Amino acid sequence: MYEALLTLKCSKPDLIKQSLEPDIKNDETVETTLNVKDDTLEIVIKSKKLNYLKAVINSYISTVNMLEKVDKIE
């Protein structure tokens, strides 16, 4: 199994975690967990397939980046 830990510094990590949680779909191929520590959001992704892991990593990075930009607009 492949595993990645993303540690992303965010202005509102609790809010971003709440935004991401409804879209988490854990199954036999991919498992994701989210944790907040101070001003960081930790995303742990485990996958049986390397290409799935890469896709999920890219998706989370893009989504968190977008949410950070939206927060700055408000």
C-alpha atoms as a PDB file:
ATOM      1  CA  MET A   1       0.000   0.000   0.000  1.00  0.00           C
ATOM      2  CA  TYR A   2       1.222   3.511  -0.851  1.00  0.00           C
ATOM      3  CA  GLU A   3       0.828   6.383   1.595  1.00  0.00           C
ATOM      4  CA  ALA A   4       1.200  10.157   1.478  1.00  0.00           C
ATOM      5  CA  LEU A   5       1.008  12.802   4.193  1.00  0.00           C
ATOM      6  CA  LEU A   6       0.137  16.319   3.073  1.00  0.00           C
ATOM      7  CA  THR A   7       0.739  19.058   5.631  1.00  0.00           C
ATOM      8  CA  LEU A   8      -0.849  22.237   4.340  1.00  0.00           C
ATOM      9  CA  LYS A   9      -0.674  25.563   6.151  1.00  0.00           C
ATOM     10  CA  CYS A  10      -4.086  27.245   5.986  1.00  0.00           C
ATOM     11  CA  SER A  11      -5.687  30.409   7.287  1.00  0.00           C
ATOM     12  CA  LYS A  12      -8.800  28.476   8.428  1.00  0.00           C
ATOM     13  CA  PRO A  13      -7.920  24.771   8.539  1.00  0.00           C
ATOM     14  CA  ASP A  14     -11.068  23.780  10.482  1.00  0.00           C
ATOM     15  CA  LEU A  15     -13.305  25.341   7.845  1.00  0.00           C
ATOM     16  CA  ILE A  16     -11.379  23.710   5.009  1.00  0.00           C
ATOM     17  CA  LYS A  17     -11.609  20.337   6.760  1.00  0.00           C
ATOM     18  CA  GLN A  18     -15.387  20.758   7.069  1.00  0.00           C
ATOM     19  CA  SER A  19     -15.569  21.641   3.374  1.00  0.00           C
ATOM     20  CA  LEU A  20     -13.598  18.558   2.324  1.00  0.00           C
ATOM     21  CA  GLU A  21     -15.217  15.957   4.606  1.00  0.00           C
ATOM     22  CA  PRO A  22     -18.455  15.426   2.620  1.00  0.00           C
ATOM     23  CA  ASP A  23     -16.438  14.467  -0.470  1.00  0.00           C
ATOM     24  CA  ILE A  24     -14.269  11.828   1.194  1.00  0.00           C
ATOM     25  CA  LYS A  25     -15.125   8.414  -0.197  1.00  0.00           C
ATOM     26  CA  ASN A  26     -13.104   5.685   1.467  1.00  0.00           C
ATOM     27  CA  ASP A  27     -13.230   2.300  -0.225  1.00  0.00           C
ATOM     28  CA  GLU A  28     -10.984  -0.710  -0.769  1.00  0.00           C
ATOM     29  CA  THR A  29      -8.685   1.300  -3.078  1.00  0.00           C
ATOM     30  CA  VAL A  30      -8.262   4.676  -1.321  1.00  0.00           C
ATOM     31  CA  GLU A  31      -8.501   5.748   2.327  1.00  0.00           C
ATOM     32  CA  THR A  32      -8.257   9.393   3.411  1.00  0.00           C
ATOM     33  CA  THR A  33      -8.177  11.001   6.845  1.00  0.00           C
ATOM     34  CA  LEU A  34      -8.112  14.692   7.748  1.00  0.00           C
ATOM     35  CA  ASN A  35      -6.638  16.227  10.910  1.00  0.00           C
ATOM     36  CA  VAL A  36      -6.203  19.816  12.050  1.00  0.00           C
ATOM     37  CA  LYS A  37      -3.180  20.877  14.106  1.00  0.00           C
ATOM     38  CA  ASP A  38      -2.855  24.577  14.904  1.00  0.00           C
ATOM     39  CA  ASP A  39      -2.785  26.358  11.529  1.00  0.00           C
ATOM     40  CA  THR A  40      -2.213  23.257   9.404  1.00  0.00           C
ATOM     41  CA  LEU A  41      -4.435  20.700   7.761  1.00  0.00           C
ATOM     42  CA  GLU A  42      -2.978  17.203   7.622  1.00  0.00           C
ATOM     43  CA  ILE A  43      -4.284  14.899   4.950  1.00  0.00           C
ATOM     44  CA  VAL A  44      -3.264  11.245   5.105  1.00  0.00           C
ATOM     45  CA  ILE A  45      -3.953   9.293   1.929  1.00  0.00           C
ATOM     46  CA  LYS A  46      -3.439   5.555   1.566  1.00  0.00           C
ATOM     47  CA  SER A  47      -3.958   3.754  -1.715  1.00  0.00           C
ATOM     48  CA  LYS A  48      -3.338   0.349  -3.197  1.00  0.00           C
ATOM     49  CA  LYS A  49      -2.589   1.948  -6.573  1.00  0.00           C
ATOM     50  CA  LEU A  50       0.084   4.590  -7.099  1.00  0.00           C
ATOM     51  CA  ASN A  51      -1.803   6.365  -9.891  1.00  0.00           C
ATOM     52  CA  TYR A  52      -4.882   6.727  -7.627  1.00  0.00           C
ATOM     53  CA  LEU A  53      -2.687   8.197  -4.900  1.00  0.00           C
ATOM     54  CA  LYS A  54      -1.263  10.746  -7.317  1.00  0.00           C
ATOM     55  CA  ALA A  55      -4.728  11.742  -8.535  1.00  0.00           C
ATOM     56  CA  VAL A  56      -6.086  12.178  -5.011  1.00  0.00           C
ATOM     57  CA  ILE A  57      -3.045  14.229  -3.946  1.00  0.00           C
ATOM     58  CA  ASN A  58      -3.471  16.564  -6.914  1.00  0.00           C
ATOM     59  CA  SER A  59      -7.191  16.881  -6.243  1.00  0.00           C
ATOM     60  CA  TYR A  60      -6.732  17.837  -2.582  1.00  0.00           C
ATOM     61  CA  ILE A  61      -3.946  20.320  -3.299  1.00  0.00           C
ATOM     62  CA  SER A  62      -6.045  22.018  -5.984  1.00  0.00           C
ATOM     63  CA  THR A  63      -9.172  22.098  -3.832  1.00  0.00           C
ATOM     64  CA  VAL A  64      -7.405  23.489  -0.749  1.00  0.00           C
ATOM     65  CA  ASN A  65      -5.688  26.109  -2.911  1.00  0.00           C
ATOM     66  CA  MET A  66      -9.053  27.141  -4.375  1.00  0.00           C
ATOM     67  CA  LEU A  67     -10.679  27.328  -0.923  1.00  0.00           C
ATOM     68  CA  GLU A  68      -7.837  29.505   0.360  1.00  0.00           C
ATOM     69  CA  LYS A  69      -8.304  31.899  -2.566  1.00  0.00           C
ATOM     70  CA  VAL A  70     -12.067  32.076  -2.004  1.00  0.00           C
ATOM     71  CA  ASP A  71     -11.467  32.882   1.659  1.00  0.00           C
ATOM     72  CA  LYS A  72      -9.235  35.819   0.687  1.00  0.00           C
ATOM     73  CA  ILE A  73     -11.937  37.227  -1.627  1.00  0.00           C
ATOM     74  CA  GLU A  74     -14.551  37.402   1.143  1.00  0.00           C
END
